Amino acid sequence: MAEEFEPRIVAFLCRWCSYTGADLAGTSRIKYPANVVPIKVMCSGRVDPTFILKSFADGADGVLVCGCHPGDCHYNEGNYNMQKRVPMIKDMLKGFGIEGERFRLDWVSAAEGDKFAEVVTEMTDEVRKLGPLNWKEIKEAVK
C-alpha cells in the first residue's frame, strides 16, 4: 500500500504575534499537523521573496508567512509591506511553474493559537491535494 504524501511546509512567523500564537497552540495542546517547519523572523515584512523561493528550492512543498494583524504590527507597516509583495511573489512562483496555492500569507495574533492550528491545517490539506513539488523538474523546465 502506497504511503500518503505528507507535505513539508516552511512557515516564517513574526516574533511578536504569529510565533507566540504557534507557541500558544502547542502549550494549549491544540491538535494540528506536524508538517510545519517554523522560522522565527522579527517581522513578516522582513521576509524577502528570495527566502520563499529558496525554501522551495531546499525541499519545501509549501511556504506560509504569518504576521501581526493589519494595524497591530510592532514595526508599524511591516505586515502591509509583506501584503503588497504577495502579487509579485505569486507571479514569481508562476514563472517557475509553482502553483500559487503553495504560498500563503495570513495574520495570527499571540492570542490565536486556535487560528494558527486552523491555518496550518488548511494549508497542509491544500498542499497535500497538490502533491509533492518536484523542484528538479521545475529547475530543468526553466533552463
N, C-alpha and C. Protein backbone atom coordinates (compact mmCIF):
# COMPACT_ATOMS: atom_id res chain seq x y z
N MET A 1 0.84 -1.18 0.00
CA MET A 1 0.00 0.00 0.00
C MET A 1 0.88 1.25 0.00
N ALA A 2 0.61 2.19 -0.91
CA ALA A 2 1.40 3.40 -1.03
C ALA A 2 1.19 4.30 0.18
N GLU A 3 2.28 4.91 0.61
CA GLU A 3 2.21 5.82 1.75
C GLU A 3 1.65 7.16 1.29
N GLU A 4 0.77 7.75 2.10
CA GLU A 4 0.17 9.04 1.76
C GLU A 4 1.24 10.12 1.84
N PHE A 5 1.21 11.02 0.87
CA PHE A 5 2.15 12.14 0.82
C PHE A 5 1.91 13.10 1.98
N GLU A 6 2.96 13.44 2.68
CA GLU A 6 2.90 14.43 3.74
C GLU A 6 3.79 15.61 3.36
N PRO A 7 3.18 16.76 3.12
CA PRO A 7 3.96 17.92 2.67
C PRO A 7 4.85 18.50 3.75
N ARG A 8 5.92 19.12 3.31
CA ARG A 8 6.81 19.88 4.20
C ARG A 8 6.51 21.35 3.95
N ILE A 9 6.11 22.05 4.98
CA ILE A 9 5.74 23.46 4.86
C ILE A 9 6.67 24.30 5.73
N VAL A 10 7.31 25.26 5.10
CA VAL A 10 8.16 26.20 5.83
C VAL A 10 7.29 27.38 6.21
N ALA A 11 7.31 27.75 7.50
CA ALA A 11 6.49 28.86 7.98
C ALA A 11 7.38 29.94 8.58
N PHE A 12 7.32 31.13 7.99
CA PHE A 12 8.01 32.30 8.53
C PHE A 12 7.01 32.99 9.46
N LEU A 13 7.33 33.04 10.75
CA LEU A 13 6.41 33.54 11.76
C LEU A 13 7.02 34.75 12.45
N CYS A 14 6.24 35.84 12.50
CA CYS A 14 6.76 37.04 13.16
C CYS A 14 6.93 36.78 14.65
N ARG A 15 7.96 37.36 15.20
CA ARG A 15 8.34 37.13 16.59
C ARG A 15 7.26 37.56 17.56
N TRP A 16 6.59 38.64 17.27
CA TRP A 16 5.70 39.27 18.23
C TRP A 16 4.32 38.64 18.32
N CYS A 17 3.81 38.17 17.21
CA CYS A 17 2.44 37.64 17.22
C CYS A 17 2.37 36.19 16.79
N SER A 18 2.70 35.91 15.56
CA SER A 18 2.46 34.58 15.00
C SER A 18 3.28 33.48 15.67
N TYR A 19 4.53 33.76 15.98
CA TYR A 19 5.35 32.75 16.64
C TYR A 19 4.78 32.47 18.03
N THR A 20 4.33 33.52 18.70
CA THR A 20 3.72 33.35 20.03
C THR A 20 2.38 32.63 19.91
N GLY A 21 1.62 32.90 18.84
CA GLY A 21 0.38 32.17 18.60
C GLY A 21 0.63 30.69 18.37
N ALA A 22 1.72 30.38 17.65
CA ALA A 22 2.09 28.98 17.44
C ALA A 22 2.48 28.34 18.77
N ASP A 23 3.20 29.07 19.58
CA ASP A 23 3.58 28.57 20.90
C ASP A 23 2.35 28.31 21.77
N LEU A 24 1.38 29.23 21.69
CA LEU A 24 0.14 29.05 22.44
C LEU A 24 -0.60 27.79 21.99
N ALA A 25 -0.61 27.56 20.69
CA ALA A 25 -1.25 26.34 20.18
C ALA A 25 -0.59 25.10 20.77
N GLY A 26 0.73 25.13 20.85
CA GLY A 26 1.45 23.99 21.42
C GLY A 26 1.21 23.82 22.90
N THR A 27 1.33 24.92 23.65
CA THR A 27 1.14 24.80 25.10
C THR A 27 -0.31 24.50 25.47
N SER A 28 -1.25 24.87 24.59
CA SER A 28 -2.67 24.56 24.83
C SER A 28 -3.04 23.18 24.30
N ARG A 29 -2.06 22.50 23.73
CA ARG A 29 -2.26 21.16 23.17
C ARG A 29 -3.36 21.10 22.11
N ILE A 30 -3.40 22.15 21.30
CA ILE A 30 -4.34 22.20 20.18
C ILE A 30 -3.75 21.34 19.07
N LYS A 31 -4.54 20.42 18.56
CA LYS A 31 -4.07 19.50 17.53
C LYS A 31 -4.00 20.19 16.17
N TYR A 32 -2.86 20.00 15.50
CA TYR A 32 -2.68 20.44 14.12
C TYR A 32 -1.57 19.61 13.50
N PRO A 33 -1.51 19.53 12.18
CA PRO A 33 -0.50 18.71 11.52
C PRO A 33 0.92 19.16 11.88
N ALA A 34 1.80 18.21 11.99
CA ALA A 34 3.20 18.49 12.34
C ALA A 34 4.05 18.70 11.09
N ASN A 35 3.45 19.25 10.04
CA ASN A 35 4.13 19.41 8.77
C ASN A 35 4.92 20.72 8.66
N VAL A 36 4.78 21.59 9.65
CA VAL A 36 5.35 22.92 9.57
C VAL A 36 6.74 22.98 10.19
N VAL A 37 7.66 23.60 9.46
CA VAL A 37 8.99 23.91 9.97
C VAL A 37 8.97 25.42 10.27
N PRO A 38 8.87 25.80 11.56
CA PRO A 38 8.76 27.22 11.89
C PRO A 38 10.11 27.93 11.85
N ILE A 39 10.08 29.14 11.31
CA ILE A 39 11.26 30.00 11.30
C ILE A 39 10.82 31.34 11.88
N LYS A 40 11.43 31.71 12.99
CA LYS A 40 11.08 32.98 13.65
C LYS A 40 11.79 34.14 12.94
N VAL A 41 11.01 35.14 12.55
CA VAL A 41 11.55 36.37 11.96
C VAL A 41 11.04 37.54 12.80
N MET A 42 11.75 38.64 12.76
CA MET A 42 11.33 39.78 13.57
C MET A 42 9.99 40.34 13.11
N CYS A 43 9.74 40.27 11.80
CA CYS A 43 8.51 40.84 11.24
C CYS A 43 8.22 40.16 9.91
N SER A 44 6.95 39.98 9.60
CA SER A 44 6.60 39.39 8.30
C SER A 44 7.14 40.25 7.15
N GLY A 45 7.27 41.54 7.39
CA GLY A 45 7.80 42.45 6.38
C GLY A 45 9.27 42.22 6.08
N ARG A 46 9.96 41.46 6.93
CA ARG A 46 11.37 41.16 6.71
C ARG A 46 11.58 39.90 5.87
N VAL A 47 10.50 39.24 5.49
CA VAL A 47 10.62 38.02 4.68
C VAL A 47 10.82 38.43 3.23
N ASP A 48 12.03 38.25 2.78
CA ASP A 48 12.40 38.59 1.41
C ASP A 48 11.82 37.53 0.46
N PRO A 49 11.32 37.92 -0.70
CA PRO A 49 10.80 36.92 -1.65
C PRO A 49 11.81 35.82 -2.00
N THR A 50 13.10 36.14 -1.95
CA THR A 50 14.09 35.10 -2.25
C THR A 50 14.10 34.02 -1.16
N PHE A 51 13.70 34.36 0.08
CA PHE A 51 13.61 33.35 1.14
C PHE A 51 12.55 32.31 0.77
N ILE A 52 11.48 32.79 0.17
CA ILE A 52 10.38 31.91 -0.22
C ILE A 52 10.83 30.96 -1.32
N LEU A 53 11.47 31.53 -2.34
CA LEU A 53 11.96 30.71 -3.44
C LEU A 53 13.02 29.72 -2.96
N LYS A 54 13.90 30.15 -2.08
CA LYS A 54 14.93 29.27 -1.53
C LYS A 54 14.30 28.14 -0.72
N SER A 55 13.23 28.43 -0.01
CA SER A 55 12.54 27.38 0.74
C SER A 55 12.05 26.28 -0.19
N PHE A 56 11.45 26.68 -1.32
CA PHE A 56 11.01 25.69 -2.30
C PHE A 56 12.20 24.93 -2.88
N ALA A 57 13.27 25.65 -3.20
CA ALA A 57 14.45 25.01 -3.77
C ALA A 57 15.08 24.01 -2.79
N ASP A 58 14.93 24.27 -1.50
CA ASP A 58 15.50 23.39 -0.48
C ASP A 58 14.56 22.27 -0.05
N GLY A 59 13.43 22.11 -0.73
CA GLY A 59 12.58 20.95 -0.49
C GLY A 59 11.22 21.21 0.11
N ALA A 60 10.85 22.46 0.32
CA ALA A 60 9.51 22.74 0.84
C ALA A 60 8.47 22.48 -0.24
N ASP A 61 7.33 21.98 0.19
CA ASP A 61 6.19 21.80 -0.72
C ASP A 61 5.23 22.97 -0.62
N GLY A 62 5.38 23.77 0.43
CA GLY A 62 4.55 24.96 0.64
C GLY A 62 5.27 25.92 1.56
N VAL A 63 4.92 27.21 1.44
CA VAL A 63 5.51 28.23 2.30
C VAL A 63 4.38 29.09 2.87
N LEU A 64 4.43 29.27 4.18
CA LEU A 64 3.44 30.06 4.91
C LEU A 64 4.16 31.23 5.56
N VAL A 65 3.59 32.42 5.42
CA VAL A 65 4.10 33.60 6.13
C VAL A 65 2.96 34.09 7.00
N CYS A 66 3.23 34.23 8.30
CA CYS A 66 2.23 34.75 9.23
C CYS A 66 2.79 35.97 9.94
N GLY A 67 1.93 36.96 10.09
CA GLY A 67 2.34 38.18 10.76
C GLY A 67 1.24 38.70 11.66
N CYS A 68 1.51 39.85 12.26
CA CYS A 68 0.52 40.53 13.10
C CYS A 68 -0.65 40.98 12.24
N HIS A 69 -1.81 41.11 12.85
CA HIS A 69 -2.98 41.61 12.12
C HIS A 69 -2.71 43.03 11.62
N PRO A 70 -3.27 43.40 10.47
CA PRO A 70 -3.10 44.77 9.97
C PRO A 70 -3.50 45.79 11.05
N GLY A 71 -2.63 46.76 11.22
CA GLY A 71 -2.84 47.78 12.24
C GLY A 71 -2.18 47.45 13.56
N ASP A 72 -1.71 46.21 13.74
CA ASP A 72 -1.10 45.80 15.00
C ASP A 72 0.39 45.48 14.88
N CYS A 73 1.00 45.78 13.75
CA CYS A 73 2.41 45.45 13.53
C CYS A 73 3.29 46.23 14.51
N HIS A 74 4.21 45.54 15.14
CA HIS A 74 5.14 46.18 16.08
C HIS A 74 6.11 47.10 15.36
N TYR A 75 6.21 46.97 14.06
CA TYR A 75 7.08 47.83 13.25
C TYR A 75 6.23 48.73 12.35
N ASN A 76 5.03 49.00 12.76
CA ASN A 76 4.07 49.90 12.13
C ASN A 76 3.51 49.41 10.79
N GLU A 77 4.36 49.18 9.80
CA GLU A 77 3.87 48.86 8.46
C GLU A 77 4.47 47.60 7.86
N GLY A 78 5.18 46.83 8.65
CA GLY A 78 5.85 45.64 8.11
C GLY A 78 4.89 44.66 7.47
N ASN A 79 3.75 44.41 8.12
CA ASN A 79 2.79 43.46 7.56
C ASN A 79 2.15 44.00 6.29
N TYR A 80 1.96 45.32 6.21
CA TYR A 80 1.44 45.92 4.98
C TYR A 80 2.45 45.77 3.84
N ASN A 81 3.72 45.92 4.16
CA ASN A 81 4.76 45.74 3.14
C ASN A 81 4.75 44.32 2.59
N MET A 82 4.58 43.35 3.48
CA MET A 82 4.52 41.95 3.02
C MET A 82 3.28 41.73 2.17
N GLN A 83 2.16 42.30 2.60
CA GLN A 83 0.91 42.14 1.85
C GLN A 83 1.04 42.71 0.44
N LYS A 84 1.75 43.81 0.30
CA LYS A 84 1.95 44.42 -1.03
C LYS A 84 2.79 43.53 -1.94
N ARG A 85 3.66 42.70 -1.35
CA ARG A 85 4.54 41.83 -2.15
C ARG A 85 3.85 40.57 -2.66
N VAL A 86 2.72 40.22 -2.10
CA VAL A 86 2.07 38.94 -2.43
C VAL A 86 1.82 38.78 -3.94
N PRO A 87 1.24 39.76 -4.65
CA PRO A 87 1.04 39.56 -6.10
C PRO A 87 2.35 39.31 -6.84
N MET A 88 3.41 40.02 -6.47
CA MET A 88 4.70 39.82 -7.12
C MET A 88 5.25 38.43 -6.81
N ILE A 89 5.09 37.98 -5.57
CA ILE A 89 5.57 36.65 -5.18
C ILE A 89 4.81 35.58 -5.96
N LYS A 90 3.50 35.72 -6.07
CA LYS A 90 2.71 34.73 -6.82
C LYS A 90 3.11 34.71 -8.29
N ASP A 91 3.39 35.90 -8.87
CA ASP A 91 3.86 35.96 -10.26
C ASP A 91 5.22 35.28 -10.40
N MET A 92 6.10 35.52 -9.43
CA MET A 92 7.43 34.91 -9.45
C MET A 92 7.30 33.39 -9.41
N LEU A 93 6.45 32.89 -8.52
CA LEU A 93 6.26 31.44 -8.40
C LEU A 93 5.67 30.87 -9.69
N LYS A 94 4.71 31.58 -10.25
CA LYS A 94 4.09 31.15 -11.51
C LYS A 94 5.15 31.02 -12.60
N GLY A 95 6.08 31.97 -12.63
CA GLY A 95 7.17 31.94 -13.61
C GLY A 95 8.04 30.70 -13.47
N PHE A 96 8.09 30.15 -12.28
CA PHE A 96 8.85 28.92 -12.04
C PHE A 96 7.98 27.68 -12.15
N GLY A 97 6.71 27.85 -12.48
CA GLY A 97 5.81 26.71 -12.60
C GLY A 97 5.31 26.19 -11.26
N ILE A 98 5.33 27.04 -10.24
CA ILE A 98 4.88 26.66 -8.90
C ILE A 98 3.50 27.24 -8.67
N GLU A 99 2.56 26.39 -8.29
CA GLU A 99 1.19 26.83 -8.07
C GLU A 99 1.13 27.88 -6.96
N GLY A 100 0.33 28.91 -7.16
CA GLY A 100 0.17 29.97 -6.18
C GLY A 100 -0.38 29.49 -4.86
N GLU A 101 -1.11 28.37 -4.87
CA GLU A 101 -1.70 27.82 -3.65
C GLU A 101 -0.64 27.25 -2.70
N ARG A 102 0.57 27.12 -3.18
CA ARG A 102 1.65 26.61 -2.33
C ARG A 102 2.21 27.71 -1.42
N PHE A 103 1.77 28.93 -1.62
CA PHE A 103 2.20 30.06 -0.80
C PHE A 103 0.98 30.70 -0.15
N ARG A 104 1.13 31.06 1.11
CA ARG A 104 0.01 31.69 1.82
C ARG A 104 0.53 32.73 2.81
N LEU A 105 -0.18 33.85 2.87
CA LEU A 105 0.06 34.89 3.87
C LEU A 105 -1.17 34.96 4.74
N ASP A 106 -0.96 34.97 6.06
CA ASP A 106 -2.10 35.05 6.98
C ASP A 106 -1.69 35.83 8.21
N TRP A 107 -2.70 36.27 8.95
CA TRP A 107 -2.48 37.05 10.17
C TRP A 107 -2.89 36.21 11.38
N VAL A 108 -1.99 36.07 12.34
CA VAL A 108 -2.25 35.31 13.56
C VAL A 108 -1.68 36.11 14.73
N SER A 109 -2.53 36.44 15.69
CA SER A 109 -2.05 37.18 16.86
C SER A 109 -1.52 36.21 17.92
N ALA A 110 -0.88 36.78 18.93
CA ALA A 110 -0.32 35.97 20.01
C ALA A 110 -1.39 35.21 20.78
N ALA A 111 -2.63 35.70 20.75
CA ALA A 111 -3.73 35.06 21.49
C ALA A 111 -4.53 34.07 20.64
N GLU A 112 -4.07 33.81 19.41
CA GLU A 112 -4.85 32.99 18.48
C GLU A 112 -4.17 31.65 18.17
N GLY A 113 -3.92 30.88 19.20
CA GLY A 113 -3.36 29.55 18.98
C GLY A 113 -4.28 28.68 18.16
N ASP A 114 -5.60 28.82 18.39
CA ASP A 114 -6.57 28.05 17.62
C ASP A 114 -6.56 28.44 16.14
N LYS A 115 -6.38 29.73 15.86
CA LYS A 115 -6.32 30.18 14.47
C LYS A 115 -5.05 29.67 13.80
N PHE A 116 -3.92 29.68 14.52
CA PHE A 116 -2.69 29.15 13.96
C PHE A 116 -2.89 27.69 13.55
N ALA A 117 -3.49 26.91 14.43
CA ALA A 117 -3.74 25.50 14.13
C ALA A 117 -4.66 25.36 12.91
N GLU A 118 -5.65 26.21 12.81
CA GLU A 118 -6.58 26.18 11.67
C GLU A 118 -5.86 26.51 10.37
N VAL A 119 -5.03 27.54 10.38
CA VAL A 119 -4.28 27.95 9.18
C VAL A 119 -3.34 26.84 8.74
N VAL A 120 -2.62 26.25 9.67
CA VAL A 120 -1.69 25.16 9.34
C VAL A 120 -2.45 23.96 8.79
N THR A 121 -3.58 23.64 9.37
CA THR A 121 -4.38 22.50 8.90
C THR A 121 -4.88 22.76 7.48
N GLU A 122 -5.41 23.95 7.23
CA GLU A 122 -5.90 24.30 5.89
C GLU A 122 -4.77 24.25 4.86
N MET A 123 -3.63 24.83 5.21
CA MET A 123 -2.50 24.86 4.27
C MET A 123 -1.99 23.45 4.00
N THR A 124 -1.88 22.64 5.03
CA THR A 124 -1.41 21.27 4.85
C THR A 124 -2.36 20.49 3.95
N ASP A 125 -3.66 20.63 4.16
CA ASP A 125 -4.65 19.94 3.32
C ASP A 125 -4.54 20.39 1.87
N GLU A 126 -4.40 21.70 1.66
CA GLU A 126 -4.30 22.25 0.30
C GLU A 126 -3.05 21.72 -0.41
N VAL A 127 -1.92 21.77 0.26
CA VAL A 127 -0.67 21.32 -0.37
C VAL A 127 -0.67 19.80 -0.55
N ARG A 128 -1.28 19.08 0.36
CA ARG A 128 -1.39 17.62 0.21
C ARG A 128 -2.16 17.29 -1.08
N LYS A 129 -3.23 18.04 -1.36
CA LYS A 129 -4.01 17.83 -2.60
C LYS A 129 -3.17 18.11 -3.85
N LEU A 130 -2.28 19.11 -3.76
CA LEU A 130 -1.43 19.46 -4.91
C LEU A 130 -0.36 18.41 -5.16
N GLY A 131 0.02 17.70 -4.11
CA GLY A 131 1.07 16.70 -4.25
C GLY A 131 2.45 17.30 -4.05
N PRO A 132 3.47 16.47 -4.12
CA PRO A 132 4.83 16.96 -3.88
C PRO A 132 5.28 17.93 -4.97
N LEU A 133 6.08 18.89 -4.57
CA LEU A 133 6.68 19.82 -5.53
C LEU A 133 7.97 19.19 -6.02
N ASN A 134 8.05 18.93 -7.29
CA ASN A 134 9.25 18.31 -7.85
C ASN A 134 10.16 19.41 -8.37
N TRP A 135 11.02 19.92 -7.48
CA TRP A 135 11.88 21.05 -7.82
C TRP A 135 12.84 20.71 -8.96
N LYS A 136 13.32 19.48 -9.02
CA LYS A 136 14.26 19.11 -10.09
C LYS A 136 13.62 19.29 -11.46
N GLU A 137 12.37 18.85 -11.60
CA GLU A 137 11.66 19.02 -12.88
C GLU A 137 11.44 20.50 -13.19
N ILE A 138 11.10 21.28 -12.19
CA ILE A 138 10.88 22.72 -12.38
C ILE A 138 12.18 23.38 -12.83
N LYS A 139 13.27 23.03 -12.16
CA LYS A 139 14.56 23.62 -12.49
C LYS A 139 14.96 23.29 -13.93
N GLU A 140 14.72 22.06 -14.36
CA GLU A 140 15.04 21.66 -15.73
C GLU A 140 14.18 22.40 -16.75
N ALA A 141 12.90 22.61 -16.42
CA ALA A 141 11.99 23.29 -17.35
C ALA A 141 12.34 24.76 -17.51
N VAL A 142 12.91 25.38 -16.47
CA VAL A 142 13.22 26.80 -16.51
C VAL A 142 14.50 27.07 -17.32
N LYS A 143 15.38 26.08 -17.38
CA LYS A 143 16.66 26.26 -18.11
C LYS A 143 16.46 26.61 -19.55
